[in-house]
PDB file of N, CA and C in Angstrom:
ATOM      1  N   MET A   1      -6.721  18.047   2.512  1.00  0.00           N
ATOM      2  CA  MET A   1      -6.115  16.333   1.996  1.00  0.00           C
ATOM      3  C   MET A   1      -4.400  17.240   2.798  1.00  0.00           C
ATOM      4  N   VAL A   2      -4.444  16.085   3.747  1.00  0.00           N
ATOM      5  CA  VAL A   2      -2.487  15.919   4.248  1.00  0.00           C
ATOM      6  C   VAL A   2      -1.123  15.987   3.132  1.00  0.00           C
ATOM      7  N   LYS A   3      -0.771  16.157   2.493  1.00  0.00           N
ATOM      8  CA  LYS A   3       0.531  15.341   1.683  1.00  0.00           C
ATOM      9  C   LYS A   3       1.689  14.868   2.745  1.00  0.00           C
ATOM     10  N   ASN A   4       1.919  15.825   3.910  1.00  0.00           N
ATOM     11  CA  ASN A   4       3.210  15.312   4.867  1.00  0.00           C
ATOM     12  C   ASN A   4       2.717  14.220   5.553  1.00  0.00           C
ATOM     13  N   SER A   5       1.651  13.060   5.411  1.00  0.00           N
ATOM     14  CA  SER A   5       1.740  11.871   5.670  1.00  0.00           C
ATOM     15  C   SER A   5       1.674  10.163   5.239  1.00  0.00           C
ATOM     16  N   PHE A   6       2.090  10.954   3.989  1.00  0.00           N
ATOM     17  CA  PHE A   6       2.531  10.177   2.946  1.00  0.00           C
ATOM     18  C   PHE A   6       4.334   9.815   3.290  1.00  0.00           C
ATOM     19  N   ILE A   7       3.690   8.236   3.316  1.00  0.00           N
ATOM     20  CA  ILE A   7       5.871   7.015   4.280  1.00  0.00           C
ATOM     21  C   ILE A   7       6.412   6.905   2.606  1.00  0.00           C
ATOM     22  N   SER A   8       8.367   6.915   3.559  1.00  0.00           N
ATOM     23  CA  SER A   8       8.978   6.921   2.771  1.00  0.00           C
ATOM     24  C   SER A   8      10.179   6.186   3.862  1.00  0.00           C
ATOM     25  N   ILE A   9       9.732   5.213   3.439  1.00  0.00           N
ATOM     26  CA  ILE A   9      10.554   4.256   4.137  1.00  0.00           C
ATOM     27  C   ILE A   9      11.355   3.931   3.524  1.00  0.00           C
ATOM     28  N   ILE A  10      11.338   3.906   2.100  1.00  0.00           N
ATOM     29  CA  ILE A  10      12.998   3.079   1.608  1.00  0.00           C
ATOM     30  C   ILE A  10      13.593   4.187   0.291  1.00  0.00           C
ATOM     31  N   SER A  11      14.903   4.660   1.315  1.00  0.00           N
ATOM     32  CA  SER A  11      15.212   4.950   0.713  1.00  0.00           C
ATOM     33  C   SER A  11      15.267   6.049  -0.747  1.00  0.00           C
ATOM     34  N   GLN A  12      16.194   7.215  -1.633  1.00  0.00           N
ATOM     35  CA  GLN A  12      15.828   7.578  -2.937  1.00  0.00           C
ATOM     36  C   GLN A  12      17.365   6.525  -3.432  1.00  0.00           C
ATOM     37  N   GLU A  13      17.877   6.185  -3.512  1.00  0.00           N
ATOM     38  CA  GLU A  13      18.743   5.228  -4.236  1.00  0.00           C
ATOM     39  C   GLU A  13      18.340   3.726  -4.160  1.00  0.00           C
ATOM     40  N   GLU A  14      17.357   3.479  -2.986  1.00  0.00           N
ATOM     41  CA  GLU A  14      16.961   1.742  -3.445  1.00  0.00           C
ATOM     42  C   GLU A  14      15.869   1.839  -4.239  1.00  0.00           C
ATOM     43  N   LYS A  15      14.767   2.658  -4.614  1.00  0.00           N
ATOM     44  CA  LYS A  15      13.717   3.396  -5.135  1.00  0.00           C
ATOM     45  C   LYS A  15      14.457   3.596  -6.407  1.00  0.00           C
ATOM     46  N   GLU A  16      15.656   4.028  -7.140  1.00  0.00           N
ATOM     47  CA  GLU A  16      15.859   3.749  -8.862  1.00  0.00           C
ATOM     48  C   GLU A  16      16.572   1.845  -8.692  1.00  0.00           C
ATOM     49  N   GLU A  17      16.391   1.380  -7.758  1.00  0.00           N
ATOM     50  CA  GLU A  17      16.776   0.005  -8.067  1.00  0.00           C
ATOM     51  C   GLU A  17      15.867  -1.030  -8.027  1.00  0.00           C
ATOM     52  N   ASN A  18      15.337  -0.624  -7.382  1.00  0.00           N
ATOM     53  CA  ASN A  18      13.648  -1.990  -7.130  1.00  0.00           C
ATOM     54  C   ASN A  18      12.548  -1.600  -7.259  1.00  0.00           C
ATOM     55  N   ARG A  19      12.189  -0.656  -8.569  1.00  0.00           N
ATOM     56  CA  ARG A  19      10.967  -0.071  -8.191  1.00  0.00           C
ATOM     57  C   ARG A  19       9.359  -1.029  -8.066  1.00  0.00           C
ATOM     58  N   GLY A  20      10.376  -2.517  -9.541  1.00  0.00           N
ATOM     59  CA  GLY A  20       9.606  -3.903  -8.815  1.00  0.00           C
ATOM     60  C   GLY A  20       9.796  -3.989  -7.714  1.00  0.00           C
ATOM     61  N   SER A  21       9.700  -4.240  -7.603  1.00  0.00           N
ATOM     62  CA  SER A  21      10.190  -5.195  -6.089  1.00  0.00           C
ATOM     63  C   SER A  21       9.086  -5.131  -5.414  1.00  0.00           C
ATOM     64  N   VAL A  22       8.453  -6.485  -4.745  1.00  0.00           N
ATOM     65  CA  VAL A  22       7.478  -6.253  -4.127  1.00  0.00           C
ATOM     66  C   VAL A  22       6.757  -5.036  -3.191  1.00  0.00           C
ATOM     67  N   GLU A  23       7.639  -4.809  -2.206  1.00  0.00           N
ATOM     68  CA  GLU A  23       7.719  -4.310  -1.096  1.00  0.00           C
ATOM     69  C   GLU A  23       8.121  -2.883  -2.111  1.00  0.00           C
ATOM     70  N   PHE A  24       7.953  -2.282  -2.811  1.00  0.00           N
ATOM     71  CA  PHE A  24       8.504  -0.689  -3.313  1.00  0.00           C
ATOM     72  C   PHE A  24       7.219  -0.552  -4.226  1.00  0.00           C
ATOM     73  N   GLN A  25       6.017  -1.520  -4.626  1.00  0.00           N
ATOM     74  CA  GLN A  25       4.839  -1.543  -5.223  1.00  0.00           C
ATOM     75  C   GLN A  25       3.995  -1.926  -4.115  1.00  0.00           C
ATOM     76  N   VAL A  26       3.780  -2.391  -3.018  1.00  0.00           N
ATOM     77  CA  VAL A  26       3.060  -2.739  -2.196  1.00  0.00           C
ATOM     78  C   VAL A  26       2.971  -0.691  -1.082  1.00  0.00           C
ATOM     79  N   LEU A  27       4.600  -0.446  -1.124  1.00  0.00           N
ATOM     80  CA  LEU A  27       4.578   1.003  -0.609  1.00  0.00           C
ATOM     81  C   LEU A  27       4.088   2.289  -1.754  1.00  0.00           C
ATOM     82  N   SER A  28       3.906   1.986  -2.200  1.00  0.00           N
ATOM     83  CA  SER A  28       3.672   3.072  -3.561  1.00  0.00           C
ATOM     84  C   SER A  28       1.986   3.036  -3.353  1.00  0.00           C
ATOM     85  N   PHE A  29       0.650   1.444  -3.958  1.00  0.00           N
ATOM     86  CA  PHE A  29      -0.303   1.024  -3.130  1.00  0.00           C
ATOM     87  C   PHE A  29      -0.276   2.170  -2.049  1.00  0.00           C
ATOM     88  N   THR A  30       0.253   1.808  -1.072  1.00  0.00           N
ATOM     89  CA  THR A  30      -0.101   2.575   0.168  1.00  0.00           C
ATOM     90  C   THR A  30      -0.441   3.886   0.772  1.00  0.00           C
ATOM     91  N   ASN A  31       0.607   5.033  -0.327  1.00  0.00           N
ATOM     92  CA  ASN A  31       1.360   5.666  -0.386  1.00  0.00           C
ATOM     93  C   ASN A  31      -1.178   5.670  -1.420  1.00  0.00           C
ATOM     94  N   LYS A  32      -1.377   6.062  -2.424  1.00  0.00           N
ATOM     95  CA  LYS A  32      -2.164   5.664  -2.845  1.00  0.00           C
ATOM     96  C   LYS A  32      -3.405   6.202  -2.493  1.00  0.00           C
ATOM     97  N   ILE A  33      -3.344   4.780  -1.388  1.00  0.00           N
ATOM     98  CA  ILE A  33      -4.814   4.508  -0.659  1.00  0.00           C
ATOM     99  C   ILE A  33      -4.685   5.735   0.205  1.00  0.00           C
ATOM    100  N   ARG A  34      -3.782   5.617   0.920  1.00  0.00           N
ATOM    101  CA  ARG A  34      -4.099   7.300   1.835  1.00  0.00           C
ATOM    102  C   ARG A  34      -4.689   8.205   1.093  1.00  0.00           C
ATOM    103  N   ARG A  35      -3.608   8.635  -0.252  1.00  0.00           N
ATOM    104  CA  ARG A  35      -3.587   9.592  -0.344  1.00  0.00           C
ATOM    105  C   ARG A  35      -5.423  10.061  -0.900  1.00  0.00           C
ATOM    106  N   LEU A  36      -6.040   8.165  -1.484  1.00  0.00           N
ATOM    107  CA  LEU A  36      -8.062   8.178  -1.866  1.00  0.00           C
ATOM    108  C   LEU A  36      -8.698   8.492  -0.521  1.00  0.00           C
ATOM    109  N   THR A  37      -7.793   8.161   0.281  1.00  0.00           N
ATOM    110  CA  THR A  37      -8.907   8.040   1.261  1.00  0.00           C
ATOM    111  C   THR A  37      -9.750   8.851   2.223  1.00  0.00           C
ATOM    112  N   SER A  38      -8.243  10.400   2.298  1.00  0.00           N
ATOM    113  CA  SER A  38      -8.297  11.772   2.233  1.00  0.00           C
ATOM    114  C   SER A  38      -8.340  12.433   2.170  1.00  0.00           C
ATOM    115  N   HIS A  39      -9.155  11.718   0.334  1.00  0.00           N
ATOM    116  CA  HIS A  39      -9.473  12.578  -1.084  1.00  0.00           C
ATOM    117  C   HIS A  39     -11.170  12.226  -1.149  1.00  0.00           C
ATOM    118  N   LEU A  40     -12.009  11.050   0.428  1.00  0.00           N
ATOM    119  CA  LEU A  40     -13.456  10.968   0.277  1.00  0.00           C
ATOM    120  C   LEU A  40     -13.733  11.134   0.865  1.00  0.00           C
ATOM    121  N   GLU A  41     -13.337  11.156   2.087  1.00  0.00           N
ATOM    122  CA  GLU A  41     -13.753  11.677   3.565  1.00  0.00           C
ATOM    123  C   GLU A  41     -14.093  13.568   2.899  1.00  0.00           C
ATOM    124  N   LEU A  42     -13.524  13.913   2.177  1.00  0.00           N
ATOM    125  CA  LEU A  42     -14.350  15.398   1.395  1.00  0.00           C
ATOM    126  C   LEU A  42     -15.271  15.698   0.754  1.00  0.00           C
ATOM    127  N   HIS A  43     -14.798  14.285  -0.169  1.00  0.00           N
ATOM    128  CA  HIS A  43     -15.576  14.259  -1.791  1.00  0.00           C
ATOM    129  C   HIS A  43     -16.569  13.013  -1.712  1.00  0.00           C
ATOM    130  N   ARG A  44     -17.319  12.662  -0.568  1.00  0.00           N
ATOM    131  CA  ARG A  44     -18.634  10.897   0.097  1.00  0.00           C
ATOM    132  C   ARG A  44     -18.508  10.575  -1.615  1.00  0.00           C
ATOM    133  N   LYS A  45     -19.754  11.595  -2.216  1.00  0.00           N
ATOM    134  CA  LYS A  45     -20.565  10.908  -3.408  1.00  0.00           C
ATOM    135  C   LYS A  45     -18.942  10.642  -4.963  1.00  0.00           C
ATOM    136  N   ASP A  46     -18.162  10.771  -4.691  1.00  0.00           N
ATOM    137  CA  ASP A  46     -17.282  10.396  -6.196  1.00  0.00           C
ATOM    138  C   ASP A  46     -17.083   9.062  -6.040  1.00  0.00           C
ATOM    139  N   TYR A  47     -18.230   8.650  -6.465  1.00  0.00           N
ATOM    140  CA  TYR A  47     -17.432   7.028  -6.626  1.00  0.00           C
ATOM    141  C   TYR A  47     -16.243   6.602  -7.615  1.00  0.00           C
ATOM    142  N   LEU A  48     -16.094   7.027  -8.300  1.00  0.00           N
ATOM    143  CA  LEU A  48     -15.284   6.530  -9.865  1.00  0.00           C
ATOM    144  C   LEU A  48     -13.710   6.447  -8.552  1.00  0.00           C
ATOM    145  N   SER A  49     -13.929   7.615  -7.787  1.00  0.00           N
ATOM    146  CA  SER A  49     -12.475   7.454  -6.489  1.00  0.00           C
ATOM    147  C   SER A  49     -12.533   5.999  -5.723  1.00  0.00           C
ATOM    148  N   GLN A  50     -13.863   5.777  -4.680  1.00  0.00           N
ATOM    149  CA  GLN A  50     -14.234   4.678  -4.681  1.00  0.00           C
ATOM    150  C   GLN A  50     -14.326   3.770  -4.989  1.00  0.00           C
ATOM    151  N   ARG A  51     -14.048   3.700  -6.632  1.00  0.00           N
ATOM    152  CA  ARG A  51     -13.906   2.497  -7.409  1.00  0.00           C
ATOM    153  C   ARG A  51     -12.045   2.052  -7.979  1.00  0.00           C
ATOM    154  N   GLY A  52     -12.056   2.978  -7.363  1.00  0.00           N
ATOM    155  CA  GLY A  52     -10.314   3.064  -8.237  1.00  0.00           C
ATOM    156  C   GLY A  52      -9.258   2.494  -6.669  1.00  0.00           C
ATOM    157  N   LEU A  53      -9.733   3.182  -5.917  1.00  0.00           N
ATOM    158  CA  LEU A  53      -9.564   2.558  -4.055  1.00  0.00           C
ATOM    159  C   LEU A  53      -9.931   1.747  -4.017  1.00  0.00           C
ATOM    160  N   ARG A  54     -11.290   0.243  -3.980  1.00  0.00           N
ATOM    161  CA  ARG A  54     -10.969  -0.553  -3.160  1.00  0.00           C
ATOM    162  C   ARG A  54     -10.216  -1.487  -5.408  1.00  0.00           C
ATOM    163  N   LYS A  55     -10.447  -0.718  -6.071  1.00  0.00           N
ATOM    164  CA  LYS A  55      -9.176  -1.397  -6.805  1.00  0.00           C
ATOM    165  C   LYS A  55      -7.600  -2.007  -6.388  1.00  0.00           C
ATOM    166  N   ILE A  56      -7.202  -0.999  -6.340  1.00  0.00           N
ATOM    167  CA  ILE A  56      -6.191  -0.715  -4.961  1.00  0.00           C
ATOM    168  C   ILE A  56      -5.736  -1.869  -3.932  1.00  0.00           C
ATOM    169  N   LEU A  57      -7.258  -1.476  -3.644  1.00  0.00           N
ATOM    170  CA  LEU A  57      -7.046  -2.738  -1.858  1.00  0.00           C
ATOM    171  C   LEU A  57      -6.593  -4.193  -2.325  1.00  0.00           C
ATOM    172  N   GLY A  58      -6.768  -4.388  -3.614  1.00  0.00           N
ATOM    173  CA  GLY A  58      -7.629  -5.333  -4.177  1.00  0.00           C
ATOM    174  C   GLY A  58      -6.055  -6.254  -4.408  1.00  0.00           C
ATOM    175  N   LYS A  59      -5.173  -4.664  -5.081  1.00  0.00           N
ATOM    176  CA  LYS A  59      -3.391  -5.278  -5.814  1.00  0.00           C
ATOM    177  C   LYS A  59      -2.937  -5.144  -4.641  1.00  0.00           C
ATOM    178  N   ARG A  60      -3.175  -4.256  -3.704  1.00  0.00           N
ATOM    179  CA  ARG A  60      -1.969  -4.663  -2.191  1.00  0.00           C
ATOM    180  C   ARG A  60      -2.431  -5.592  -2.162  1.00  0.00           C
ATOM    181  N   GLN A  61      -3.593  -6.180  -1.592  1.00  0.00           N
ATOM    182  CA  GLN A  61      -4.294  -7.439  -1.362  1.00  0.00           C
ATOM    183  C   GLN A  61      -3.176  -8.663  -1.498  1.00  0.00           C
ATOM    184  N   ARG A  62      -3.333  -8.812  -3.361  1.00  0.00           N
ATOM    185  CA  ARG A  62      -2.432 -10.187  -3.527  1.00  0.00           C
ATOM    186  C   ARG A  62      -1.042  -9.524  -3.512  1.00  0.00           C
ATOM    187  N   LEU A  63       0.038  -8.676  -3.740  1.00  0.00           N
ATOM    188  CA  LEU A  63       1.013  -8.197  -3.251  1.00  0.00           C
ATOM    189  C   LEU A  63       0.867  -9.068  -1.952  1.00  0.00           C
ATOM    190  N   LEU A  64       0.045  -8.727  -1.806  1.00  0.00           N
ATOM    191  CA  LEU A  64       0.689  -9.039   0.193  1.00  0.00           C
ATOM    192  C   LEU A  64       0.889 -10.435   0.253  1.00  0.00           C
ATOM    193  N   SER A  65      -0.539 -11.336  -0.033  1.00  0.00           N
ATOM    194  CA  SER A  65      -0.557 -12.220  -0.434  1.00  0.00           C
ATOM    195  C   SER A  65       0.155 -13.320  -0.491  1.00  0.00           C
ATOM    196  N   TYR A  66       1.050 -12.579  -1.802  1.00  0.00           N
ATOM    197  CA  TYR A  66       2.253 -13.690  -2.436  1.00  0.00           C
ATOM    198  C   TYR A  66       3.217 -13.404  -1.681  1.00  0.00           C
ATOM    199  N   LEU A  67       3.881 -12.372  -1.099  1.00  0.00           N
ATOM    200  CA  LEU A  67       4.939 -11.944  -0.058  1.00  0.00           C
ATOM    201  C   LEU A  67       4.431 -13.212   0.764  1.00  0.00           C
ATOM    202  N   SER A  68       3.931 -12.717   1.383  1.00  0.00           N
ATOM    203  CA  SER A  68       3.700 -14.042   2.560  1.00  0.00           C
ATOM    204  C   SER A  68       4.174 -15.118   2.336  1.00  0.00           C
ATOM    205  N   ASN A  69       3.268 -15.766   0.829  1.00  0.00           N
ATOM    206  CA  ASN A  69       3.604 -17.396   0.504  1.00  0.00           C
ATOM    207  C   ASN A  69       5.371 -17.289   0.581  1.00  0.00           C
ATOM    208  N   LYS A  70       5.403 -16.126  -0.042  1.00  0.00           N
ATOM    209  CA  LYS A  70       7.092 -16.739  -0.682  1.00  0.00           C
ATOM    210  C   LYS A  70       8.202 -16.176   0.636  1.00  0.00           C
ATOM    211  N   ASN A  71       7.650 -15.094   1.526  1.00  0.00           N
ATOM    212  CA  ASN A  71       8.666 -15.335   2.599  1.00  0.00           C
ATOM    213  C   ASN A  71       7.824 -14.145   3.882  1.00  0.00           C
ATOM    214  N   ARG A  72       7.668 -15.362   4.594  1.00  0.00           N
ATOM    215  CA  ARG A  72       6.595 -15.135   5.831  1.00  0.00           C
ATOM    216  C   ARG A  72       7.537 -14.099   6.338  1.00  0.00           C
ATOM    217  N   VAL A  73       8.898 -13.428   6.621  1.00  0.00           N
ATOM    218  CA  VAL A  73       9.986 -12.667   7.691  1.00  0.00           C
ATOM    219  C   VAL A  73       9.848 -11.532   6.891  1.00  0.00           C
ATOM    220  N   ARG A  74       9.829 -10.834   5.450  1.00  0.00           N
ATOM    221  CA  ARG A  74       9.529  -9.629   4.868  1.00  0.00           C
ATOM    222  C   ARG A  74       8.280  -9.438   4.549  1.00  0.00           C
ATOM    223  N   TYR A  75       7.568 -10.212   4.598  1.00  0.00           N
ATOM    224  CA  TYR A  75       5.918  -9.776   5.277  1.00  0.00           C
ATOM    225  C   TYR A  75       5.736  -8.845   6.178  1.00  0.00           C
ATOM    226  N   LYS A  76       5.750  -9.839   7.521  1.00  0.00           N
ATOM    227  CA  LYS A  76       6.647  -9.208   9.132  1.00  0.00           C
ATOM    228  C   LYS A  76       7.117  -8.240   9.043  1.00  0.00           C
ATOM    229  N   ASN A  77       7.612  -8.371   8.459  1.00  0.00           N
ATOM    230  CA  ASN A  77       8.260  -6.587   8.940  1.00  0.00           C
ATOM    231  C   ASN A  77       7.938  -5.057   7.448  1.00  0.00           C
ATOM    232  N   LEU A  78       7.562  -6.075   6.676  1.00  0.00           N
ATOM    233  CA  LEU A  78       6.637  -4.634   5.527  1.00  0.00           C
ATOM    234  C   LEU A  78       5.436  -4.503   6.341  1.00  0.00           C
ATOM    235  N   ILE A  79       4.893  -5.126   7.075  1.00  0.00           N
ATOM    236  CA  ILE A  79       3.567  -4.614   7.209  1.00  0.00           C
ATOM    237  C   ILE A  79       3.587  -3.687   8.478  1.00  0.00           C
ATOM    238  N   ASN A  80       5.006  -3.932   9.181  1.00  0.00           N
ATOM    239  CA  ASN A  80       5.564  -3.605  10.367  1.00  0.00           C
ATOM    240  C   ASN A  80       5.295  -1.517  10.588  1.00  0.00           C
ATOM    241  N   ALA A  81       6.433  -1.904   9.232  1.00  0.00           N
ATOM    242  CA  ALA A  81       7.121  -0.924   8.805  1.00  0.00           C
ATOM    243  C   ALA A  81       5.939  -0.394   8.006  1.00  0.00           C
ATOM    244  N   LEU A  82       4.610  -0.506   7.738  1.00  0.00           N
ATOM    245  CA  LEU A  82       3.751   0.170   6.799  1.00  0.00           C
ATOM    246  C   LEU A  82       2.316   1.029   8.397  1.00  0.00           C
ATOM    247  N   GLY A  83       2.829   0.052   8.929  1.00  0.00           N
ATOM    248  CA  GLY A  83       1.297   0.242  10.390  1.00  0.00           C
ATOM    249  C   GLY A  83       0.251  -0.284   9.352  1.00  0.00           C
ATOM    250  N   ILE A  84       0.714  -1.334   8.354  1.00  0.00           N
ATOM    251  CA  ILE A  84      -1.027  -1.920   8.766  1.00  0.00           C
ATOM    252  C   ILE A  84      -1.279  -3.483   9.001  1.00  0.00           C
ATOM    253  N   ARG A  85      -2.201  -2.909   8.624  1.00  0.00           N
ATOM    254  CA  ARG A  85      -3.178  -5.242   9.765  1.00  0.00           C
ATOM    255  C   ARG A  85      -3.028  -6.951   8.664  1.00  0.00           C
ATOM    256  N   GLU A  86      -2.147  -7.679   9.390  1.00  0.00           N
ATOM    257  CA  GLU A  86      -2.340  -8.588   8.052  1.00  0.00           C
ATOM    258  C   GLU A  86      -3.278  -8.921   8.133  1.00  0.00           C
ATOM    259  N   SER A  87      -3.808  -8.939   6.198  1.00  0.00           N
ATOM    260  CA  SER A  87      -4.783 -10.201   6.349  1.00  0.00           C
ATOM    261  C   SER A  87      -5.549 -11.401   6.978  1.00  0.00           C
ATOM    262  N   LYS A  88      -6.874 -11.532   7.137  1.00  0.00           N
ATOM    263  CA  LYS A  88      -6.691 -12.479   7.208  1.00  0.00           C
ATOM    264  C   LYS A  88      -6.761 -14.207   6.470  1.00  0.00           C
ATOM    265  N   ILE A  89      -6.144 -15.313   7.108  1.00  0.00           N
ATOM    266  CA  ILE A  89      -6.359 -16.035   6.017  1.00  0.00           C
ATOM    267  C   ILE A  89      -7.316 -16.739   5.939  1.00  0.00           C
ATOM    268  N   ARG A  90      -7.821 -16.428   5.133  1.00  0.00           N
ATOM    269  CA  ARG A  90      -8.694 -17.728   4.218  1.00  0.00           C
ATOM    270  C   ARG A  90      -8.948 -19.384   4.737  1.00  0.00           C
TER     271      ARG A  90
END
């Protein structure tokens, strides 16, 4: 399990102020997703962790779609900073 690959884009002062912001929530979900993904590479039959991963992915997807509808520039900056793909438009 690689622990140093987690992202710290937001500075410590901003973490204290903006814990409820969409960017901070997406960042924390992305860190959880990466941690669970590395866990599932070792433990392929851990079905409860797979379910948790799917739930977190859905939450992050809903937050990203909310942000893309409200502020497209912040959305583009966030997905570029995190290195995640843009969601498909339905």
